[in-house]
Amino acid sequence: MKRRSFSDQFKLAAVQRCATEPAAHVARDVGIVRSVLDRWLRQHREGHFVGADAGVPPGLPVPATTTVSAAPKVGPRRSLFTNEERTRVAERVLAGEKPVAIAKELGIKAALIYSWANQLKKKKSKPAKSLVVAAPISAPQPPTILNFCPHCGMPLAAVNRALNAIAAINPR
């Protein structure tokens, strides 16, 4: 499949339309994906499309907001419900009320209420953290004598016999 290419005039015309129309509509009308149009907008702001084909100097007033979504973000998204309110709603569900009825009452989706109830169930099912009490410090104990090899678990007497037998066969 051959890769499509577009002239600088075509790109510039699409960029100019973005000054008055939403970028998503321009991209759809022109027959390209939105990310390609966003790249053209960025290239135009950086001074590309200058030359014999373009015929228009860079710096054409293209709003910077055309590369982001139509709804500008004002700040961090704030939830409509506090953690305490979510917990109260989840407790109502766990007490037996129907989530769909609560959702209609609050004007939110029932799926959200189900997720709050599941989060509360998980929180309640976790065991409470217990306090670990340290044992009192006592005098150091003398080292214990091992009767078994710590590596293989064999009795030390058997290990010593095996080593002596090997040393007798293979003297250095």
Protein backbone atom coordinates (compact mmCIF):
# COMPACT_ATOMS: atom_id res chain seq x y z
CA MET A 1 0.00 0.00 0.00
CA LYS A 2 1.44 3.36 -1.02
CA ARG A 3 1.90 5.99 1.65
CA ARG A 4 -0.12 9.16 1.06
CA SER A 5 1.64 12.48 0.86
CA PHE A 6 0.18 15.95 1.03
CA SER A 7 1.48 19.24 -0.33
CA ASP A 8 2.37 22.08 1.99
CA GLN A 9 -0.54 24.08 0.54
CA PHE A 10 -2.99 21.32 1.46
CA LYS A 11 -1.55 21.11 4.99
CA LEU A 12 -1.66 24.88 5.39
CA ALA A 13 -5.30 25.01 4.22
CA ALA A 14 -6.23 22.38 6.86
CA VAL A 15 -4.30 24.30 9.53
CA GLN A 16 -6.08 27.55 8.58
CA ARG A 17 -9.49 25.86 8.87
CA CYS A 18 -8.60 24.89 12.45
CA ALA A 19 -8.70 28.56 13.39
CA THR A 20 -12.48 28.59 12.88
CA GLU A 21 -13.55 24.94 13.16
CA PRO A 22 -12.82 22.13 15.64
CA ALA A 23 -9.74 20.16 14.65
CA ALA A 24 -11.62 16.84 14.81
CA HIS A 25 -14.14 18.08 12.21
CA VAL A 26 -11.41 19.40 9.93
CA ALA A 27 -9.51 16.10 10.13
CA ARG A 28 -12.64 14.11 9.28
CA ASP A 29 -13.56 16.42 6.36
CA VAL A 30 -10.04 16.32 4.94
CA GLY A 31 -9.80 12.52 5.33
CA ILE A 32 -6.96 12.23 7.84
CA VAL A 33 -6.70 11.16 11.45
CA ARG A 34 -6.63 13.75 14.20
CA SER A 35 -3.04 12.99 15.24
CA VAL A 36 -1.77 13.88 11.75
CA LEU A 37 -3.58 17.22 11.89
CA ASP A 38 -2.15 17.85 15.36
CA ARG A 39 1.34 17.24 13.95
CA TRP A 40 0.66 19.71 11.12
CA LEU A 41 -0.53 22.32 13.62
CA ARG A 42 2.63 21.84 15.69
CA GLN A 43 4.83 22.02 12.58
CA HIS A 44 3.11 25.24 11.52
CA ARG A 45 3.70 26.85 14.91
CA GLU A 46 7.36 25.81 14.67
CA GLY A 47 7.70 27.59 11.30
CA HIS A 48 7.36 24.76 8.79
CA PHE A 49 5.34 25.03 5.56
CA VAL A 50 7.53 27.92 4.45
CA GLY A 51 8.75 27.76 0.86
CA ALA A 52 7.57 27.89 -2.71
CA ASP A 53 4.52 25.70 -2.00
CA ALA A 54 3.27 27.48 1.07
CA GLY A 55 3.29 31.11 -0.05
CA VAL A 56 2.17 32.17 3.44
CA PRO A 57 4.60 33.14 6.21
CA PRO A 58 4.60 31.11 9.41
CA GLY A 59 2.96 32.45 12.53
CA LEU A 60 -0.57 32.38 11.19
CA PRO A 61 -2.78 32.84 14.23
CA VAL A 62 -3.85 29.29 15.00
CA PRO A 63 -5.18 28.89 18.52
CA ALA A 64 -3.04 26.60 20.63
CA THR A 65 -6.19 25.04 22.09
CA THR A 66 -6.95 23.31 18.79
CA THR A 67 -4.46 20.57 19.64
CA VAL A 68 -6.18 19.68 22.91
CA SER A 69 -9.68 18.49 23.52
CA ALA A 70 -12.58 20.90 23.11
CA ALA A 71 -13.27 21.04 26.86
CA PRO A 72 -10.31 22.78 28.52
CA LYS A 73 -9.10 21.32 31.77
CA VAL A 74 -9.40 23.81 34.58
CA GLY A 75 -7.60 21.90 37.28
CA PRO A 76 -7.64 18.59 39.05
CA ARG A 77 -10.91 16.76 38.71
CA ARG A 78 -12.89 16.90 41.91
CA SER A 79 -15.26 14.19 42.97
CA LEU A 80 -18.86 15.06 43.72
CA PHE A 81 -18.82 12.85 46.80
CA THR A 82 -16.48 12.85 49.77
CA ASN A 83 -14.99 9.61 51.08
CA GLU A 84 -17.42 9.68 54.02
CA GLU A 85 -20.42 10.01 51.68
CA ARG A 86 -19.16 7.15 49.53
CA THR A 87 -18.75 4.99 52.61
CA ARG A 88 -22.29 5.81 53.80
CA VAL A 89 -23.72 4.90 50.36
CA ALA A 90 -21.72 1.65 50.29
CA GLU A 91 -22.92 0.76 53.79
CA ARG A 92 -26.52 1.27 52.63
CA VAL A 93 -25.88 -1.23 49.81
CA LEU A 94 -24.27 -3.72 52.18
CA ALA A 95 -27.26 -3.28 54.51
CA GLY A 96 -29.54 -4.50 51.72
CA GLU A 97 -30.76 -1.44 49.80
CA LYS A 98 -30.89 -1.74 46.04
CA PRO A 99 -28.00 0.08 44.31
CA VAL A 100 -30.20 1.06 41.36
CA ALA A 101 -32.63 2.87 43.66
CA ILE A 102 -29.79 4.68 45.42
CA ALA A 103 -28.30 5.61 42.04
CA LYS A 104 -31.59 7.17 40.89
CA GLU A 105 -31.86 9.05 44.16
CA LEU A 106 -28.33 10.48 43.81
CA GLY A 107 -28.40 10.92 40.03
CA ILE A 108 -25.35 8.75 39.33
CA LYS A 109 -24.72 5.42 37.63
CA ALA A 110 -25.38 2.25 39.58
CA ALA A 111 -22.00 0.85 38.49
CA LEU A 112 -20.31 3.53 40.57
CA ILE A 113 -22.26 2.49 43.63
CA TYR A 114 -21.41 -1.17 43.04
CA SER A 115 -17.71 -0.26 42.90
CA TRP A 116 -17.95 1.70 46.16
CA ALA A 117 -19.65 -1.26 47.85
CA ASN A 118 -16.98 -3.66 46.58
CA GLN A 119 -14.21 -1.36 47.81
CA LEU A 120 -15.83 -1.22 51.24
CA LYS A 121 -16.17 -5.03 51.31
CA LYS A 122 -12.48 -5.41 50.53
CA LYS A 123 -11.55 -2.87 53.18
CA LYS A 124 -13.66 -4.66 55.79
CA SER A 125 -12.35 -8.11 54.85
CA LYS A 126 -8.72 -7.14 55.43
CA PRO A 127 -7.52 -8.28 58.83
CA ALA A 128 -6.76 -5.52 61.26
CA LYS A 129 -3.10 -4.84 61.76
CA SER A 130 -1.99 -6.32 65.04
CA LEU A 131 0.70 -4.86 67.19
CA VAL A 132 3.88 -6.87 67.38
CA VAL A 133 5.26 -7.03 70.88
CA ALA A 134 8.99 -7.58 71.05
CA ALA A 135 10.27 -10.28 73.33
CA PRO A 136 12.31 -9.05 76.26
CA ILE A 137 16.03 -8.97 75.61
CA SER A 138 17.83 -11.71 77.50
CA ALA A 139 21.46 -12.68 77.95
CA PRO A 140 23.10 -14.17 74.86
CA GLN A 141 22.76 -17.92 74.64
CA PRO A 142 25.82 -20.12 74.15
CA PRO A 143 26.10 -21.55 70.66
CA THR A 144 24.25 -24.82 70.26
CA ILE A 145 26.15 -27.88 69.12
CA LEU A 146 24.79 -29.13 65.85
CA ASN A 147 24.33 -32.86 65.50
CA PHE A 148 23.39 -32.57 61.82
CA CYS A 149 25.12 -31.02 58.85
CA PRO A 150 23.41 -27.71 58.01
CA HIS A 151 23.99 -28.25 54.28
CA CYS A 152 22.78 -31.80 53.68
CA GLY A 153 20.98 -32.69 56.92
CA MET A 154 23.02 -35.86 57.53
CA PRO A 155 24.22 -36.72 61.04
CA LEU A 156 27.67 -35.22 61.64
CA ALA A 157 29.14 -38.60 62.59
CA ALA A 158 28.20 -40.00 59.16
CA VAL A 159 29.64 -36.93 57.40
CA ASN A 160 32.91 -37.27 59.30
CA ARG A 161 33.14 -41.01 58.43
CA ALA A 162 32.57 -40.20 54.75
CA LEU A 163 35.24 -37.49 54.77
CA ASN A 164 37.75 -39.79 56.50
CA ALA A 165 37.06 -42.52 53.93
CA ILE A 166 37.63 -40.10 51.07
CA ALA A 167 40.86 -38.83 52.66
CA ALA A 168 42.12 -42.42 53.05
CA ILE A 169 41.47 -43.19 49.37
CA ASN A 170 42.77 -39.91 48.04
CA PRO A 171 45.76 -38.78 50.13
CA ARG A 172 47.31 -35.46 49.24
